[in-house]
Amino acid sequence: MSGKISWTLNAQVAGGPKISASDTVSVQAYDKIEVDLPAGASGEDIEIQPGGAGQVQFLLIASDQYGDGLTYSVNAAEADPAKRVRLDALQLLMGDGAVGLLGAPPNTLYFYNTLGADASIQILVGRMVTTSP
């Protein structure tokens, strides 16, 4: 399932500067995951990386609902909401540096929904599969 993930970004301040960028990320494996997260869901786990840690090079998380009540934790259920990542907007992480901001190489994401409404989550993950020489 190897392939390339193409992306384009355009950001412009009204009446101000504009930055545009685009590129292609080569990956050895990818998955598109869609999950319906009911209101009140607590710790719903979604595996994004089978196998060894450190393979995720591209991670996009989108939802049809956003807000402080939609959160996730990385690799373990997190009882303390203050230690979870808020999904208050679309999130796109590319490369070891950006993915490393999650604190640990992500294998499983645990989602929590206290928005008071169901949310549909879409995840696009691209991985490099490491092999021994």
N, C-alpha and C. Protein backbone atom coordinates (compact mmCIF):
# COMPACT_ATOMS: atom_id res chain seq x y z
N MET A 1 0.81 -1.18 0.00
CA MET A 1 0.00 0.00 0.00
C MET A 1 0.87 1.26 0.00
N SER A 2 2.05 1.20 -0.61
CA SER A 2 2.90 2.39 -0.62
C SER A 2 2.30 3.45 -1.52
N GLY A 3 2.72 4.67 -1.30
CA GLY A 3 2.18 5.74 -2.11
C GLY A 3 2.73 7.08 -1.72
N LYS A 4 2.12 8.09 -2.26
CA LYS A 4 2.50 9.46 -1.99
C LYS A 4 1.27 10.24 -1.54
N ILE A 5 1.45 11.04 -0.52
CA ILE A 5 0.39 11.91 -0.03
C ILE A 5 0.75 13.33 -0.46
N SER A 6 -0.06 13.91 -1.31
CA SER A 6 0.16 15.28 -1.76
C SER A 6 -0.64 16.23 -0.88
N TRP A 7 -0.05 17.37 -0.54
CA TRP A 7 -0.75 18.36 0.27
C TRP A 7 -0.47 19.76 -0.26
N THR A 8 -1.42 20.64 -0.01
CA THR A 8 -1.32 22.05 -0.39
C THR A 8 -1.87 22.90 0.75
N LEU A 9 -1.20 23.98 1.05
CA LEU A 9 -1.63 24.89 2.11
C LEU A 9 -1.60 26.31 1.59
N ASN A 10 -2.67 27.03 1.81
CA ASN A 10 -2.75 28.46 1.51
C ASN A 10 -3.26 29.16 2.75
N ALA A 11 -2.45 30.07 3.27
CA ALA A 11 -2.87 30.86 4.43
C ALA A 11 -2.69 32.34 4.08
N GLN A 12 -3.75 33.13 4.35
CA GLN A 12 -3.67 34.54 4.03
C GLN A 12 -4.36 35.35 5.11
N VAL A 13 -3.69 36.38 5.56
CA VAL A 13 -4.27 37.34 6.47
C VAL A 13 -5.04 38.34 5.62
N ALA A 14 -6.29 38.64 5.99
CA ALA A 14 -7.08 39.60 5.22
C ALA A 14 -6.33 40.93 5.10
N GLY A 15 -6.04 41.33 3.87
CA GLY A 15 -5.32 42.56 3.62
C GLY A 15 -3.84 42.48 3.97
N GLY A 16 -3.35 41.27 4.24
CA GLY A 16 -1.95 41.13 4.66
C GLY A 16 -1.22 40.05 3.89
N PRO A 17 -0.22 39.47 4.52
CA PRO A 17 0.63 38.50 3.83
C PRO A 17 -0.09 37.19 3.52
N LYS A 18 0.47 36.51 2.54
CA LYS A 18 -0.04 35.20 2.14
C LYS A 18 1.14 34.25 2.06
N ILE A 19 0.94 33.04 2.54
CA ILE A 19 1.95 31.99 2.44
C ILE A 19 1.29 30.79 1.79
N SER A 20 1.94 30.28 0.77
CA SER A 20 1.46 29.09 0.08
C SER A 20 2.57 28.06 0.05
N ALA A 21 2.20 26.82 0.21
CA ALA A 21 3.18 25.74 0.15
C ALA A 21 2.48 24.47 -0.32
N SER A 22 3.25 23.60 -0.95
CA SER A 22 2.73 22.29 -1.32
C SER A 22 3.90 21.35 -1.46
N ASP A 23 3.63 20.07 -1.27
CA ASP A 23 4.69 19.08 -1.36
C ASP A 23 4.04 17.70 -1.44
N THR A 24 4.89 16.71 -1.51
CA THR A 24 4.44 15.32 -1.52
C THR A 24 5.24 14.57 -0.47
N VAL A 25 4.56 13.77 0.32
CA VAL A 25 5.20 12.93 1.33
C VAL A 25 5.13 11.49 0.85
N SER A 26 6.29 10.86 0.69
CA SER A 26 6.32 9.45 0.30
C SER A 26 6.15 8.59 1.55
N VAL A 27 5.25 7.63 1.47
CA VAL A 27 5.00 6.72 2.59
C VAL A 27 4.98 5.29 2.07
N GLN A 28 5.27 4.37 2.96
CA GLN A 28 5.23 2.96 2.58
C GLN A 28 3.89 2.34 2.88
N ALA A 29 3.12 2.97 3.75
CA ALA A 29 1.77 2.47 4.09
C ALA A 29 0.93 3.64 4.55
N TYR A 30 -0.37 3.56 4.30
CA TYR A 30 -1.28 4.60 4.77
C TYR A 30 -2.62 3.97 5.10
N ASP A 31 -3.38 4.66 5.91
CA ASP A 31 -4.74 4.25 6.25
C ASP A 31 -5.61 5.48 6.35
N LYS A 32 -6.85 5.35 5.92
CA LYS A 32 -7.86 6.36 6.18
C LYS A 32 -8.85 5.70 7.13
N ILE A 33 -9.04 6.32 8.27
CA ILE A 33 -9.88 5.75 9.32
C ILE A 33 -11.03 6.72 9.57
N GLU A 34 -12.24 6.20 9.59
CA GLU A 34 -13.41 7.01 9.89
C GLU A 34 -14.10 6.41 11.11
N VAL A 35 -14.39 7.26 12.08
CA VAL A 35 -14.99 6.82 13.34
C VAL A 35 -16.12 7.76 13.72
N ASP A 36 -17.27 7.20 14.04
CA ASP A 36 -18.36 7.99 14.61
C ASP A 36 -18.20 7.94 16.12
N LEU A 37 -18.01 9.10 16.72
CA LEU A 37 -17.76 9.22 18.15
C LEU A 37 -19.00 9.79 18.82
N PRO A 38 -19.76 8.95 19.51
CA PRO A 38 -20.99 9.45 20.12
C PRO A 38 -20.72 10.43 21.27
N ALA A 39 -21.66 11.31 21.51
CA ALA A 39 -21.57 12.21 22.65
C ALA A 39 -21.39 11.36 23.91
N GLY A 40 -20.47 11.77 24.77
CA GLY A 40 -20.22 11.04 26.00
C GLY A 40 -19.18 9.94 25.87
N ALA A 41 -18.64 9.71 24.67
CA ALA A 41 -17.62 8.67 24.49
C ALA A 41 -16.43 8.98 25.37
N SER A 42 -15.88 7.94 25.97
CA SER A 42 -14.77 8.12 26.91
C SER A 42 -13.70 7.07 26.66
N GLY A 43 -12.63 7.48 26.04
CA GLY A 43 -11.50 6.57 25.84
C GLY A 43 -11.67 5.61 24.68
N GLU A 44 -12.42 6.00 23.65
CA GLU A 44 -12.57 5.15 22.46
C GLU A 44 -11.23 5.06 21.76
N ASP A 45 -10.68 3.84 21.65
CA ASP A 45 -9.33 3.68 21.11
C ASP A 45 -9.35 3.41 19.61
N ILE A 46 -8.40 4.07 18.92
CA ILE A 46 -8.23 3.93 17.48
C ILE A 46 -6.76 3.65 17.21
N GLU A 47 -6.47 2.47 16.70
CA GLU A 47 -5.09 2.10 16.38
C GLU A 47 -4.71 2.74 15.06
N ILE A 48 -3.62 3.52 15.07
CA ILE A 48 -3.18 4.17 13.84
C ILE A 48 -1.85 3.63 13.34
N GLN A 49 -1.19 2.80 14.15
CA GLN A 49 0.11 2.29 13.75
C GLN A 49 0.32 0.89 14.29
N PRO A 50 0.02 -0.11 13.50
CA PRO A 50 0.37 -1.45 13.93
C PRO A 50 1.88 -1.63 13.80
N GLY A 51 2.48 -2.30 14.72
CA GLY A 51 3.93 -2.52 14.61
C GLY A 51 4.72 -1.52 15.42
N GLY A 52 5.98 -1.35 15.02
CA GLY A 52 6.94 -0.55 15.78
C GLY A 52 6.61 0.92 15.88
N ALA A 53 7.13 1.52 16.91
CA ALA A 53 6.92 2.94 17.16
C ALA A 53 7.78 3.78 16.24
N GLY A 54 7.39 5.01 16.03
CA GLY A 54 8.18 5.95 15.28
C GLY A 54 8.01 5.89 13.77
N GLN A 55 6.97 5.24 13.30
CA GLN A 55 6.77 5.10 11.86
C GLN A 55 5.87 6.17 11.27
N VAL A 56 5.05 6.83 12.09
CA VAL A 56 4.10 7.81 11.57
C VAL A 56 4.86 9.05 11.09
N GLN A 57 4.65 9.42 9.83
CA GLN A 57 5.28 10.58 9.24
C GLN A 57 4.25 11.62 8.80
N PHE A 58 2.98 11.23 8.76
CA PHE A 58 1.91 12.12 8.32
C PHE A 58 0.67 11.77 9.12
N LEU A 59 0.08 12.74 9.80
CA LEU A 59 -1.12 12.49 10.59
C LEU A 59 -2.07 13.67 10.44
N LEU A 60 -3.22 13.40 9.86
CA LEU A 60 -4.26 14.41 9.71
C LEU A 60 -5.49 13.92 10.48
N ILE A 61 -5.99 14.77 11.37
CA ILE A 61 -7.19 14.44 12.14
C ILE A 61 -8.21 15.54 11.89
N ALA A 62 -9.35 15.15 11.34
CA ALA A 62 -10.42 16.10 11.03
C ALA A 62 -11.72 15.61 11.66
N SER A 63 -12.65 16.52 11.89
CA SER A 63 -13.93 16.18 12.48
C SER A 63 -15.01 17.08 11.90
N ASP A 64 -16.25 16.64 12.01
CA ASP A 64 -17.36 17.51 11.61
C ASP A 64 -17.80 18.40 12.78
N GLN A 65 -17.21 18.19 13.96
CA GLN A 65 -17.46 19.01 15.15
C GLN A 65 -16.09 19.30 15.78
N TYR A 66 -15.91 20.49 16.31
CA TYR A 66 -14.68 20.83 17.00
C TYR A 66 -15.03 21.56 18.29
N GLY A 67 -14.12 21.52 19.25
CA GLY A 67 -14.32 22.25 20.49
C GLY A 67 -13.48 21.68 21.60
N ASP A 68 -13.46 22.40 22.72
CA ASP A 68 -12.66 21.97 23.87
C ASP A 68 -13.12 20.64 24.44
N GLY A 69 -14.36 20.23 24.15
CA GLY A 69 -14.88 18.98 24.67
C GLY A 69 -14.56 17.77 23.81
N LEU A 70 -13.83 17.97 22.73
CA LEU A 70 -13.40 16.86 21.88
C LEU A 70 -11.89 16.76 22.04
N THR A 71 -11.44 15.67 22.66
CA THR A 71 -10.03 15.53 23.01
C THR A 71 -9.55 14.12 22.72
N TYR A 72 -8.22 13.97 22.75
CA TYR A 72 -7.63 12.63 22.63
C TYR A 72 -6.33 12.56 23.41
N SER A 73 -5.95 11.35 23.74
CA SER A 73 -4.65 11.10 24.36
C SER A 73 -3.91 10.10 23.48
N VAL A 74 -2.60 10.03 23.67
CA VAL A 74 -1.74 9.21 22.83
C VAL A 74 -1.26 7.99 23.60
N ASN A 75 -1.54 6.81 23.08
CA ASN A 75 -1.04 5.51 23.54
C ASN A 75 -1.62 5.00 24.85
N ALA A 76 -2.30 5.83 25.62
CA ALA A 76 -2.90 5.36 26.87
C ALA A 76 -4.10 6.24 27.19
N ALA A 77 -5.10 5.61 27.78
CA ALA A 77 -6.26 6.38 28.22
C ALA A 77 -5.79 7.37 29.29
N GLU A 78 -6.27 8.60 29.23
CA GLU A 78 -5.85 9.65 30.15
C GLU A 78 -7.06 10.16 30.92
N ALA A 79 -7.06 9.90 32.24
CA ALA A 79 -8.19 10.30 33.07
C ALA A 79 -8.27 11.82 33.24
N ASP A 80 -7.13 12.49 33.25
CA ASP A 80 -7.09 13.93 33.47
C ASP A 80 -7.31 14.67 32.15
N PRO A 81 -8.48 15.33 31.97
CA PRO A 81 -8.74 16.05 30.72
C PRO A 81 -7.70 17.11 30.39
N ALA A 82 -7.03 17.69 31.38
CA ALA A 82 -6.04 18.72 31.14
C ALA A 82 -4.79 18.17 30.45
N LYS A 83 -4.59 16.87 30.48
CA LYS A 83 -3.42 16.25 29.86
C LYS A 83 -3.71 15.70 28.47
N ARG A 84 -4.93 15.89 27.98
CA ARG A 84 -5.30 15.42 26.65
C ARG A 84 -5.07 16.53 25.62
N VAL A 85 -4.98 16.11 24.36
CA VAL A 85 -4.86 17.06 23.25
C VAL A 85 -6.27 17.47 22.83
N ARG A 86 -6.53 18.77 22.76
CA ARG A 86 -7.85 19.25 22.32
C ARG A 86 -7.93 19.20 20.80
N LEU A 87 -9.03 18.71 20.31
CA LEU A 87 -9.30 18.73 18.88
C LEU A 87 -10.27 19.88 18.63
N ASP A 88 -9.72 21.10 18.69
CA ASP A 88 -10.55 22.29 18.52
C ASP A 88 -10.46 22.86 17.11
N ALA A 89 -9.70 22.18 16.25
CA ALA A 89 -9.58 22.52 14.83
C ALA A 89 -8.91 21.34 14.14
N LEU A 90 -8.96 21.34 12.82
CA LEU A 90 -8.26 20.31 12.06
C LEU A 90 -6.80 20.30 12.47
N GLN A 91 -6.21 19.11 12.59
CA GLN A 91 -4.80 19.00 12.95
C GLN A 91 -4.05 18.24 11.87
N LEU A 92 -2.89 18.79 11.47
CA LEU A 92 -2.04 18.17 10.47
C LEU A 92 -0.61 18.19 10.99
N LEU A 93 -0.03 17.02 11.14
CA LEU A 93 1.35 16.88 11.61
C LEU A 93 2.13 16.11 10.56
N MET A 94 3.27 16.66 10.13
CA MET A 94 4.10 16.00 9.12
C MET A 94 5.54 15.97 9.59
N GLY A 95 6.18 14.82 9.45
CA GLY A 95 7.59 14.68 9.82
C GLY A 95 7.78 14.33 11.28
N ASP A 96 8.99 13.87 11.60
CA ASP A 96 9.30 13.47 12.97
C ASP A 96 9.14 14.61 13.97
N GLY A 97 9.53 15.83 13.57
CA GLY A 97 9.44 16.96 14.49
C GLY A 97 8.02 17.27 14.89
N ALA A 98 7.11 17.38 13.92
CA ALA A 98 5.72 17.71 14.22
C ALA A 98 5.02 16.56 14.94
N VAL A 99 5.20 15.34 14.47
CA VAL A 99 4.57 14.19 15.13
C VAL A 99 5.12 14.04 16.54
N GLY A 100 6.39 14.40 16.72
CA GLY A 100 7.01 14.34 18.05
C GLY A 100 6.38 15.28 19.06
N LEU A 101 5.65 16.29 18.59
CA LEU A 101 4.96 17.20 19.52
C LEU A 101 3.90 16.46 20.34
N LEU A 102 3.47 15.29 19.90
CA LEU A 102 2.49 14.51 20.65
C LEU A 102 3.10 13.90 21.91
N GLY A 103 4.42 13.95 22.05
CA GLY A 103 5.08 13.47 23.27
C GLY A 103 5.56 12.04 23.19
N ALA A 104 4.98 11.25 22.33
CA ALA A 104 5.39 9.85 22.16
C ALA A 104 5.00 9.42 20.76
N PRO A 105 5.76 8.52 20.15
CA PRO A 105 5.35 8.02 18.84
C PRO A 105 3.97 7.39 18.94
N PRO A 106 3.00 7.89 18.18
CA PRO A 106 1.62 7.42 18.35
C PRO A 106 1.37 6.04 17.74
N ASN A 107 0.82 5.16 18.54
CA ASN A 107 0.33 3.86 18.08
C ASN A 107 -1.19 3.83 18.12
N THR A 108 -1.73 4.33 19.23
CA THR A 108 -3.18 4.32 19.46
C THR A 108 -3.60 5.69 19.98
N LEU A 109 -4.71 6.20 19.46
CA LEU A 109 -5.29 7.44 19.97
C LEU A 109 -6.57 7.09 20.72
N TYR A 110 -6.76 7.70 21.88
CA TYR A 110 -7.95 7.48 22.71
C TYR A 110 -8.77 8.76 22.68
N PHE A 111 -9.99 8.68 22.14
CA PHE A 111 -10.83 9.86 21.96
C PHE A 111 -11.89 9.98 23.04
N TYR A 112 -12.19 11.24 23.39
CA TYR A 112 -13.19 11.59 24.40
C TYR A 112 -14.09 12.67 23.80
N ASN A 113 -15.39 12.54 24.02
CA ASN A 113 -16.33 13.50 23.46
C ASN A 113 -17.29 13.98 24.54
N THR A 114 -17.05 15.20 25.02
CA THR A 114 -17.97 15.83 25.98
C THR A 114 -18.62 17.06 25.36
N LEU A 115 -18.71 17.08 24.03
CA LEU A 115 -19.31 18.22 23.32
C LEU A 115 -20.82 18.31 23.50
N GLY A 116 -21.44 17.18 23.81
CA GLY A 116 -22.90 17.15 23.87
C GLY A 116 -23.52 16.81 22.53
N ALA A 117 -22.70 16.48 21.53
CA ALA A 117 -23.17 16.10 20.20
C ALA A 117 -22.23 15.04 19.65
N ASP A 118 -22.76 14.18 18.79
CA ASP A 118 -21.92 13.18 18.13
C ASP A 118 -20.91 13.88 17.23
N ALA A 119 -19.78 13.22 17.00
CA ALA A 119 -18.75 13.76 16.11
C ALA A 119 -18.28 12.64 15.18
N SER A 120 -18.05 12.99 13.93
CA SER A 120 -17.48 12.05 12.97
C SER A 120 -16.02 12.44 12.76
N ILE A 121 -15.13 11.53 13.10
CA ILE A 121 -13.69 11.77 13.03
C ILE A 121 -13.13 11.08 11.80
N GLN A 122 -12.27 11.77 11.08
CA GLN A 122 -11.54 11.18 9.96
C GLN A 122 -10.05 11.33 10.24
N ILE A 123 -9.33 10.23 10.05
CA ILE A 123 -7.88 10.23 10.28
C ILE A 123 -7.21 9.70 9.02
N LEU A 124 -6.21 10.44 8.54
CA LEU A 124 -5.37 9.95 7.46
C LEU A 124 -3.97 9.85 8.03
N VAL A 125 -3.41 8.65 8.02
CA VAL A 125 -2.09 8.42 8.60
C VAL A 125 -1.19 7.80 7.54
N GLY A 126 0.02 8.33 7.42
CA GLY A 126 1.03 7.79 6.53
C GLY A 126 2.21 7.31 7.34
N ARG A 127 2.69 6.10 7.04
CA ARG A 127 3.76 5.50 7.84
C ARG A 127 4.92 5.05 6.96
N MET A 128 6.10 5.10 7.53
CA MET A 128 7.25 4.47 6.93
C MET A 128 7.43 3.14 7.66
N VAL A 129 7.56 2.07 6.92
CA VAL A 129 7.71 0.75 7.52
C VAL A 129 9.20 0.45 7.57
N THR A 130 9.73 0.35 8.78
CA THR A 130 11.15 0.08 8.93
C THR A 130 11.41 -1.41 8.84
N THR A 131 12.49 -1.77 8.18
CA THR A 131 12.86 -3.17 8.06
C THR A 131 14.30 -3.32 8.49
N SER A 132 14.64 -4.48 8.98
CA SER A 132 16.02 -4.75 9.39
C SER A 132 16.86 -5.06 8.16
N PRO A 133 18.13 -4.61 8.14
CA PRO A 133 18.97 -4.88 6.97
C PRO A 133 19.30 -6.35 6.83
